[in-house]
Amino acid sequence: MDLRLITKNELYQLQKDKLEELIEHAGGIKHLAFMLNLPLPTLNSCQARGRVSKEIAHIVENHPSLGEHFKAVDLRPDLTMS
C-alpha cells in the first residue's frame, strides 16, 4: 500500500478497522489481552485510540495463532515507512 496516496484520516480508519477485526478474531478484548500477555488497560487504551502501538503490532505478528492472520504492517501500515 502506498501511504502517499491516502489521507491521514483514511490511515487512521484502516488502523481502527484492522484493530477491531483483531479483537473480534481473538474473541474479545479480554481474551486478546490474555493471548498477548498484556494488561487489559493497555489494550483498552489501544482500542480508545483506534490503533495498536508499533510494539504491539510486532507482538501480534509473532504470536503463533494470530500472526498467520495479522501482520504488523496490516495493523500499522505506517511501519512500511520505517
PDB file of N, CA and C in Angstrom:
ATOM      1  N   MET A   1       0.839  -1.172   0.000  1.00  0.00           N
ATOM      2  CA  MET A   1       0.000   0.000   0.000  1.00  0.00           C
ATOM      3  C   MET A   1       0.888   1.241   0.000  1.00  0.00           C
ATOM      4  N   ASP A   2       0.598   2.143  -0.898  1.00  0.00           N
ATOM      5  CA  ASP A   2       1.360   3.384  -0.972  1.00  0.00           C
ATOM      6  C   ASP A   2       0.679   4.415  -0.077  1.00  0.00           C
ATOM      7  N   LEU A   3       1.300   4.705   1.059  1.00  0.00           N
ATOM      8  CA  LEU A   3       0.704   5.614   2.033  1.00  0.00           C
ATOM      9  C   LEU A   3       0.645   7.050   1.531  1.00  0.00           C
ATOM     10  N   ARG A   4       1.372   7.344   0.489  1.00  0.00           N
ATOM     11  CA  ARG A   4       1.333   8.696  -0.066  1.00  0.00           C
ATOM     12  C   ARG A   4       0.016   8.976  -0.766  1.00  0.00           C
ATOM     13  N   LEU A   5      -0.752   7.927  -1.043  1.00  0.00           N
ATOM     14  CA  LEU A   5      -1.999   8.083  -1.785  1.00  0.00           C
ATOM     15  C   LEU A   5      -3.234   8.140  -0.900  1.00  0.00           C
ATOM     16  N   ILE A   6      -3.064   8.014   0.415  1.00  0.00           N
ATOM     17  CA  ILE A   6      -4.227   8.062   1.308  1.00  0.00           C
ATOM     18  C   ILE A   6      -4.068   9.207   2.296  1.00  0.00           C
ATOM     19  N   THR A   7      -5.194   9.682   2.778  1.00  0.00           N
ATOM     20  CA  THR A   7      -5.175  10.785   3.740  1.00  0.00           C
ATOM     21  C   THR A   7      -4.897  10.260   5.134  1.00  0.00           C
ATOM     22  N   LYS A   8      -4.581  11.169   6.018  1.00  0.00           N
ATOM     23  CA  LYS A   8      -4.333  10.817   7.414  1.00  0.00           C
ATOM     24  C   LYS A   8      -5.570  10.160   8.032  1.00  0.00           C
ATOM     25  N   ASN A   9      -6.739  10.688   7.731  1.00  0.00           N
ATOM     26  CA  ASN A   9      -7.982  10.115   8.262  1.00  0.00           C
ATOM     27  C   ASN A   9      -8.231   8.720   7.720  1.00  0.00           C
ATOM     28  N   GLU A  10      -7.902   8.498   6.460  1.00  0.00           N
ATOM     29  CA  GLU A  10      -8.056   7.158   5.884  1.00  0.00           C
ATOM     30  C   GLU A  10      -7.102   6.172   6.545  1.00  0.00           C
ATOM     31  N   LEU A  11      -5.882   6.620   6.850  1.00  0.00           N
ATOM     32  CA  LEU A  11      -4.913   5.775   7.535  1.00  0.00           C
ATOM     33  C   LEU A  11      -5.429   5.389   8.908  1.00  0.00           C
ATOM     34  N   TYR A  12      -5.938   6.362   9.650  1.00  0.00           N
ATOM     35  CA  TYR A  12      -6.485   6.079  10.979  1.00  0.00           C
ATOM     36  C   TYR A  12      -7.648   5.104  10.897  1.00  0.00           C
ATOM     37  N   GLN A  13      -8.494   5.248   9.877  1.00  0.00           N
ATOM     38  CA  GLN A  13      -9.638   4.343   9.728  1.00  0.00           C
ATOM     39  C   GLN A  13      -9.167   2.928   9.402  1.00  0.00           C
ATOM     40  N   LEU A  14      -8.142   2.796   8.563  1.00  0.00           N
ATOM     41  CA  LEU A  14      -7.587   1.471   8.259  1.00  0.00           C
ATOM     42  C   LEU A  14      -7.086   0.791   9.537  1.00  0.00           C
ATOM     43  N   GLN A  15      -6.368   1.553  10.355  1.00  0.00           N
ATOM     44  CA  GLN A  15      -5.825   1.004  11.598  1.00  0.00           C
ATOM     45  C   GLN A  15      -6.948   0.604  12.551  1.00  0.00           C
ATOM     46  N   LYS A  16      -7.948   1.439  12.664  1.00  0.00           N
ATOM     47  CA  LYS A  16      -9.068   1.153  13.561  1.00  0.00           C
ATOM     48  C   LYS A  16      -9.826  -0.088  13.111  1.00  0.00           C
ATOM     49  N   ASP A  17     -10.095  -0.189  11.825  1.00  0.00           N
ATOM     50  CA  ASP A  17     -10.816  -1.350  11.293  1.00  0.00           C
ATOM     51  C   ASP A  17     -10.038  -2.636  11.528  1.00  0.00           C
ATOM     52  N   LYS A  18      -8.724  -2.599  11.304  1.00  0.00           N
ATOM     53  CA  LYS A  18      -7.913  -3.810  11.494  1.00  0.00           C
ATOM     54  C   LYS A  18      -7.840  -4.193  12.964  1.00  0.00           C
ATOM     55  N   LEU A  19      -7.770  -3.204  13.859  1.00  0.00           N
ATOM     56  CA  LEU A  19      -7.770  -3.495  15.297  1.00  0.00           C
ATOM     57  C   LEU A  19      -9.085  -4.141  15.707  1.00  0.00           C
ATOM     58  N   GLU A  20     -10.194  -3.621  15.231  1.00  0.00           N
ATOM     59  CA  GLU A  20     -11.496  -4.218  15.566  1.00  0.00           C
ATOM     60  C   GLU A  20     -11.605  -5.639  15.025  1.00  0.00           C
ATOM     61  N   GLU A  21     -11.055  -5.870  13.843  1.00  0.00           N
ATOM     62  CA  GLU A  21     -11.034  -7.224  13.271  1.00  0.00           C
ATOM     63  C   GLU A  21     -10.201  -8.156  14.149  1.00  0.00           C
ATOM     64  N   LEU A  22      -9.072  -7.668  14.639  1.00  0.00           N
ATOM     65  CA  LEU A  22      -8.210  -8.454  15.526  1.00  0.00           C
ATOM     66  C   LEU A  22      -8.943  -8.799  16.821  1.00  0.00           C
ATOM     67  N   ILE A  23      -9.590  -7.823  17.420  1.00  0.00           N
ATOM     68  CA  ILE A  23     -10.316  -8.050  18.675  1.00  0.00           C
ATOM     69  C   ILE A  23     -11.420  -9.079  18.466  1.00  0.00           C
ATOM     70  N   GLU A  24     -12.151  -8.939  17.384  1.00  0.00           N
ATOM     71  CA  GLU A  24     -13.220  -9.895  17.085  1.00  0.00           C
ATOM     72  C   GLU A  24     -12.659 -11.292  16.841  1.00  0.00           C
ATOM     73  N   HIS A  25     -11.569 -11.377  16.100  1.00  0.00           N
ATOM     74  CA  HIS A  25     -10.929 -12.667  15.798  1.00  0.00           C
ATOM     75  C   HIS A  25     -10.477 -13.368  17.088  1.00  0.00           C
ATOM     76  N   ALA A  26      -9.980 -12.581  18.035  1.00  0.00           N
ATOM     77  CA  ALA A  26      -9.484 -13.155  19.292  1.00  0.00           C
ATOM     78  C   ALA A  26     -10.616 -13.546  20.239  1.00  0.00           C
ATOM     79  N   GLY A  27     -11.815 -13.054  19.983  1.00  0.00           N
ATOM     80  CA  GLY A  27     -12.928 -13.394  20.860  1.00  0.00           C
ATOM     81  C   GLY A  27     -13.202 -12.336  21.920  1.00  0.00           C
ATOM     82  N   GLY A  28     -12.726 -11.150  21.690  1.00  0.00           N
ATOM     83  CA  GLY A  28     -12.949 -10.044  22.619  1.00  0.00           C
ATOM     84  C   GLY A  28     -11.643  -9.477  23.130  1.00  0.00           C
ATOM     85  N   ILE A  29     -11.756  -8.291  23.687  1.00  0.00           N
ATOM     86  CA  ILE A  29     -10.548  -7.595  24.118  1.00  0.00           C
ATOM     87  C   ILE A  29      -9.885  -8.263  25.318  1.00  0.00           C
ATOM     88  N   LYS A  30     -10.698  -8.823  26.222  1.00  0.00           N
ATOM     89  CA  LYS A  30     -10.115  -9.508  27.385  1.00  0.00           C
ATOM     90  C   LYS A  30      -9.314 -10.729  26.951  1.00  0.00           C
ATOM     91  N   HIS A  31      -9.871 -11.473  26.025  1.00  0.00           N
ATOM     92  CA  HIS A  31      -9.162 -12.671  25.559  1.00  0.00           C
ATOM     93  C   HIS A  31      -7.907 -12.288  24.784  1.00  0.00           C
ATOM     94  N   LEU A  32      -7.981 -11.208  24.021  1.00  0.00           N
ATOM     95  CA  LEU A  32      -6.799 -10.743  23.296  1.00  0.00           C
ATOM     96  C   LEU A  32      -5.692 -10.351  24.266  1.00  0.00           C
ATOM     97  N   ALA A  33      -6.048  -9.645  25.329  1.00  0.00           N
ATOM     98  CA  ALA A  33      -5.054  -9.269  26.349  1.00  0.00           C
ATOM     99  C   ALA A  33      -4.414 -10.516  26.941  1.00  0.00           C
ATOM    100  N   PHE A  34      -5.223 -11.524  27.221  1.00  0.00           N
ATOM    101  CA  PHE A  34      -4.711 -12.779  27.774  1.00  0.00           C
ATOM    102  C   PHE A  34      -3.780 -13.468  26.772  1.00  0.00           C
ATOM    103  N   MET A  35      -4.201 -13.519  25.519  1.00  0.00           N
ATOM    104  CA  MET A  35      -3.392 -14.184  24.488  1.00  0.00           C
ATOM    105  C   MET A  35      -2.030 -13.515  24.307  1.00  0.00           C
ATOM    106  N   LEU A  36      -2.013 -12.187  24.383  1.00  0.00           N
ATOM    107  CA  LEU A  36      -0.775 -11.454  24.151  1.00  0.00           C
ATOM    108  C   LEU A  36       0.014 -11.207  25.421  1.00  0.00           C
ATOM    109  N   ASN A  37      -0.550 -11.648  26.553  1.00  0.00           N
ATOM    110  CA  ASN A  37       0.085 -11.453  27.852  1.00  0.00           C
ATOM    111  C   ASN A  37       0.347  -9.960  28.116  1.00  0.00           C
ATOM    112  N   LEU A  38      -0.679  -9.165  27.830  1.00  0.00           N
ATOM    113  CA  LEU A  38      -0.613  -7.724  28.037  1.00  0.00           C
ATOM    114  C   LEU A  38      -1.709  -7.311  29.001  1.00  0.00           C
ATOM    115  N   PRO A  39      -1.492  -6.247  29.758  1.00  0.00           N
ATOM    116  CA  PRO A  39      -2.538  -5.768  30.661  1.00  0.00           C
ATOM    117  C   PRO A  39      -3.768  -5.300  29.871  1.00  0.00           C
ATOM    118  N   LEU A  40      -4.940  -5.603  30.384  1.00  0.00           N
ATOM    119  CA  LEU A  40      -6.178  -5.189  29.732  1.00  0.00           C
ATOM    120  C   LEU A  40      -6.240  -3.675  29.539  1.00  0.00           C
ATOM    121  N   PRO A  41      -5.832  -2.857  30.526  1.00  0.00           N
ATOM    122  CA  PRO A  41      -5.873  -1.410  30.298  1.00  0.00           C
ATOM    123  C   PRO A  41      -5.023  -0.954  29.098  1.00  0.00           C
ATOM    124  N   THR A  42      -3.953  -1.657  28.814  1.00  0.00           N
ATOM    125  CA  THR A  42      -3.124  -1.315  27.649  1.00  0.00           C
ATOM    126  C   THR A  42      -3.923  -1.484  26.370  1.00  0.00           C
ATOM    127  N   LEU A  43      -4.630  -2.600  26.265  1.00  0.00           N
ATOM    128  CA  LEU A  43      -5.422  -2.830  25.053  1.00  0.00           C
ATOM    129  C   LEU A  43      -6.673  -1.959  25.028  1.00  0.00           C
ATOM    130  N   ASN A  44      -7.213  -1.640  26.186  1.00  0.00           N
ATOM    131  CA  ASN A  44      -8.338  -0.696  26.221  1.00  0.00           C
ATOM    132  C   ASN A  44      -7.900   0.660  25.680  1.00  0.00           C
ATOM    133  N   SER A  45      -6.685   1.078  26.023  1.00  0.00           N
ATOM    134  CA  SER A  45      -6.142   2.344  25.517  1.00  0.00           C
ATOM    135  C   SER A  45      -5.958   2.283  24.007  1.00  0.00           C
ATOM    136  N   CYS A  46      -5.468   1.149  23.521  1.00  0.00           N
ATOM    137  CA  CYS A  46      -5.309   0.980  22.075  1.00  0.00           C
ATOM    138  C   CYS A  46      -6.665   1.088  21.381  1.00  0.00           C
ATOM    139  N   GLN A  47      -7.658   0.445  21.956  1.00  0.00           N
ATOM    140  CA  GLN A  47      -8.993   0.472  21.361  1.00  0.00           C
ATOM    141  C   GLN A  47      -9.553   1.899  21.370  1.00  0.00           C
ATOM    142  N   ALA A  48      -9.333   2.629  22.451  1.00  0.00           N
ATOM    143  CA  ALA A  48      -9.808   4.011  22.534  1.00  0.00           C
ATOM    144  C   ALA A  48      -9.111   4.898  21.500  1.00  0.00           C
ATOM    145  N   ARG A  49      -7.812   4.657  21.269  1.00  0.00           N
ATOM    146  CA  ARG A  49      -7.049   5.418  20.271  1.00  0.00           C
ATOM    147  C   ARG A  49      -7.372   4.968  18.851  1.00  0.00           C
ATOM    148  N   GLY A  50      -7.812   3.719  18.724  1.00  0.00           N
ATOM    149  CA  GLY A  50      -8.131   3.184  17.401  1.00  0.00           C
ATOM    150  C   GLY A  50      -6.967   2.550  16.698  1.00  0.00           C
ATOM    151  N   ARG A  51      -5.884   2.296  17.414  1.00  0.00           N
ATOM    152  CA  ARG A  51      -4.727   1.626  16.812  1.00  0.00           C
ATOM    153  C   ARG A  51      -3.822   1.075  17.903  1.00  0.00           C
ATOM    154  N   VAL A  52      -3.048   0.061  17.525  1.00  0.00           N
ATOM    155  CA  VAL A  52      -2.072  -0.503  18.453  1.00  0.00           C
ATOM    156  C   VAL A  52      -0.747   0.199  18.252  1.00  0.00           C
ATOM    157  N   SER A  53       0.112   0.088  19.246  1.00  0.00           N
ATOM    158  CA  SER A  53       1.460   0.644  19.100  1.00  0.00           C
ATOM    159  C   SER A  53       2.248  -0.231  18.127  1.00  0.00           C
ATOM    160  N   LYS A  54       3.363   0.288  17.672  1.00  0.00           N
ATOM    161  CA  LYS A  54       4.221  -0.493  16.777  1.00  0.00           C
ATOM    162  C   LYS A  54       4.718  -1.745  17.485  1.00  0.00           C
ATOM    163  N   GLU A  55       5.029  -1.619  18.772  1.00  0.00           N
ATOM    164  CA  GLU A  55       5.498  -2.770  19.553  1.00  0.00           C
ATOM    165  C   GLU A  55       4.425  -3.853  19.630  1.00  0.00           C
ATOM    166  N   ILE A  56       3.201  -3.463  19.907  1.00  0.00           N
ATOM    167  CA  ILE A  56       2.117  -4.450  19.998  1.00  0.00           C
ATOM    168  C   ILE A  56       1.839  -5.062  18.629  1.00  0.00           C
ATOM    169  N   ALA A  57       1.954  -4.287  17.572  1.00  0.00           N
ATOM    170  CA  ALA A  57       1.772  -4.835  16.224  1.00  0.00           C
ATOM    171  C   ALA A  57       2.761  -5.973  15.973  1.00  0.00           C
ATOM    172  N   HIS A  58       3.995  -5.794  16.428  1.00  0.00           N
ATOM    173  CA  HIS A  58       5.003  -6.852  16.265  1.00  0.00           C
ATOM    174  C   HIS A  58       4.717  -8.041  17.185  1.00  0.00           C
ATOM    175  N   ILE A  59       4.203  -7.787  18.375  1.00  0.00           N
ATOM    176  CA  ILE A  59       3.830  -8.878  19.283  1.00  0.00           C
ATOM    177  C   ILE A  59       2.735  -9.728  18.642  1.00  0.00           C
ATOM    178  N   VAL A  60       1.740  -9.081  18.045  1.00  0.00           N
ATOM    179  CA  VAL A  60       0.657  -9.807  17.379  1.00  0.00           C
ATOM    180  C   VAL A  60       1.216 -10.637  16.224  1.00  0.00           C
ATOM    181  N   GLU A  61       2.070 -10.037  15.416  1.00  0.00           N
ATOM    182  CA  GLU A  61       2.638 -10.749  14.272  1.00  0.00           C
ATOM    183  C   GLU A  61       3.443 -11.969  14.707  1.00  0.00           C
ATOM    184  N   ASN A  62       4.092 -11.894  15.845  1.00  0.00           N
ATOM    185  CA  ASN A  62       4.915 -13.007  16.324  1.00  0.00           C
ATOM    186  C   ASN A  62       4.128 -14.032  17.137  1.00  0.00           C
ATOM    187  N   HIS A  63       2.854 -13.784  17.366  1.00  0.00           N
ATOM    188  CA  HIS A  63       2.026 -14.731  18.125  1.00  0.00           C
ATOM    189  C   HIS A  63       1.735 -15.945  17.243  1.00  0.00           C
ATOM    190  N   PRO A  64       1.841 -17.148  17.803  1.00  0.00           N
ATOM    191  CA  PRO A  64       1.695 -18.364  16.979  1.00  0.00           C
ATOM    192  C   PRO A  64       0.360 -18.487  16.245  1.00  0.00           C
ATOM    193  N   SER A  65      -0.744 -18.076  16.851  1.00  0.00           N
ATOM    194  CA  SER A  65      -2.026 -18.239  16.153  1.00  0.00           C
ATOM    195  C   SER A  65      -2.535 -16.954  15.522  1.00  0.00           C
ATOM    196  N   LEU A  66      -2.131 -15.815  16.012  1.00  0.00           N
ATOM    197  CA  LEU A  66      -2.598 -14.548  15.443  1.00  0.00           C
ATOM    198  C   LEU A  66      -1.735 -14.088  14.274  1.00  0.00           C
ATOM    199  N   GLY A  67      -0.456 -14.411  14.323  1.00  0.00           N
ATOM    200  CA  GLY A  67       0.487 -13.938  13.317  1.00  0.00           C
ATOM    201  C   GLY A  67       0.196 -14.399  11.912  1.00  0.00           C
ATOM    202  N   GLU A  68      -0.453 -15.541  11.778  1.00  0.00           N
ATOM    203  CA  GLU A  68      -0.769 -16.021  10.435  1.00  0.00           C
ATOM    204  C   GLU A  68      -1.910 -15.222   9.797  1.00  0.00           C
ATOM    205  N   HIS A  69      -2.675 -14.507  10.612  1.00  0.00           N
ATOM    206  CA  HIS A  69      -3.803 -13.726  10.110  1.00  0.00           C
ATOM    207  C   HIS A  69      -3.548 -12.218  10.133  1.00  0.00           C
ATOM    208  N   PHE A  70      -2.670 -11.770  11.028  1.00  0.00           N
ATOM    209  CA  PHE A  70      -2.461 -10.339  11.227  1.00  0.00           C
ATOM    210  C   PHE A  70      -0.969 -10.019  11.217  1.00  0.00           C
ATOM    211  N   LYS A  71      -0.542  -9.347  10.189  1.00  0.00           N
ATOM    212  CA  LYS A  71       0.848  -8.899  10.085  1.00  0.00           C
ATOM    213  C   LYS A  71       0.964  -7.505  10.695  1.00  0.00           C
ATOM    214  N   ALA A  72       2.156  -7.172  11.153  1.00  0.00           N
ATOM    215  CA  ALA A  72       2.385  -5.873  11.781  1.00  0.00           C
ATOM    216  C   ALA A  72       2.015  -4.735  10.833  1.00  0.00           C
ATOM    217  N   VAL A  73       2.346  -4.861   9.574  1.00  0.00           N
ATOM    218  CA  VAL A  73       2.034  -3.790   8.617  1.00  0.00           C
ATOM    219  C   VAL A  73       0.552  -3.692   8.306  1.00  0.00           C
ATOM    220  N   ASP A  74      -0.208  -4.759   8.579  1.00  0.00           N
ATOM    221  CA  ASP A  74      -1.658  -4.682   8.432  1.00  0.00           C
ATOM    222  C   ASP A  74      -2.260  -3.823   9.550  1.00  0.00           C
ATOM    223  N   LEU A  75      -1.729  -4.021  10.751  1.00  0.00           N
ATOM    224  CA  LEU A  75      -2.205  -3.264  11.907  1.00  0.00           C
ATOM    225  C   LEU A  75      -1.674  -1.833  11.913  1.00  0.00           C
ATOM    226  N   ARG A  76      -0.449  -1.668  11.430  1.00  0.00           N
ATOM    227  CA  ARG A  76       0.206  -0.349  11.392  1.00  0.00           C
ATOM    228  C   ARG A  76       0.831  -0.147  10.032  1.00  0.00           C
ATOM    229  N   PRO A  77       0.047   0.264   9.034  1.00  0.00           N
ATOM    230  CA  PRO A  77       0.610   0.467   7.691  1.00  0.00           C
ATOM    231  C   PRO A  77       1.779   1.427   7.661  1.00  0.00           C
ATOM    232  N   ASP A  78       1.861   2.309   8.637  1.00  0.00           N
ATOM    233  CA  ASP A  78       2.974   3.259   8.684  1.00  0.00           C
ATOM    234  C   ASP A  78       4.314   2.590   8.966  1.00  0.00           C
ATOM    235  N   LEU A  79       4.305   1.319   9.346  1.00  0.00           N
ATOM    236  CA  LEU A  79       5.570   0.591   9.560  1.00  0.00           C
ATOM    237  C   LEU A  79       6.340   0.436   8.247  1.00  0.00           C
ATOM    238  N   THR A  80       5.660   0.511   7.135  1.00  0.00           N
ATOM    239  CA  THR A  80       6.341   0.393   5.842  1.00  0.00           C
ATOM    240  C   THR A  80       7.241   1.596   5.591  1.00  0.00           C
ATOM    241  N   MET A  81       7.021   2.674   6.334  1.00  0.00           N
ATOM    242  CA  MET A  81       7.815   3.885   6.165  1.00  0.00           C
ATOM    243  C   MET A  81       9.072   3.860   7.021  1.00  0.00           C
ATOM    244  N   SER A  82       9.146   2.939   7.976  1.00  0.00           N
ATOM    245  CA  SER A  82      10.277   2.882   8.897  1.00  0.00           C
ATOM    246  C   SER A  82      11.512   2.325   8.234  1.00  0.00           C
TER     247      SER A  82
END
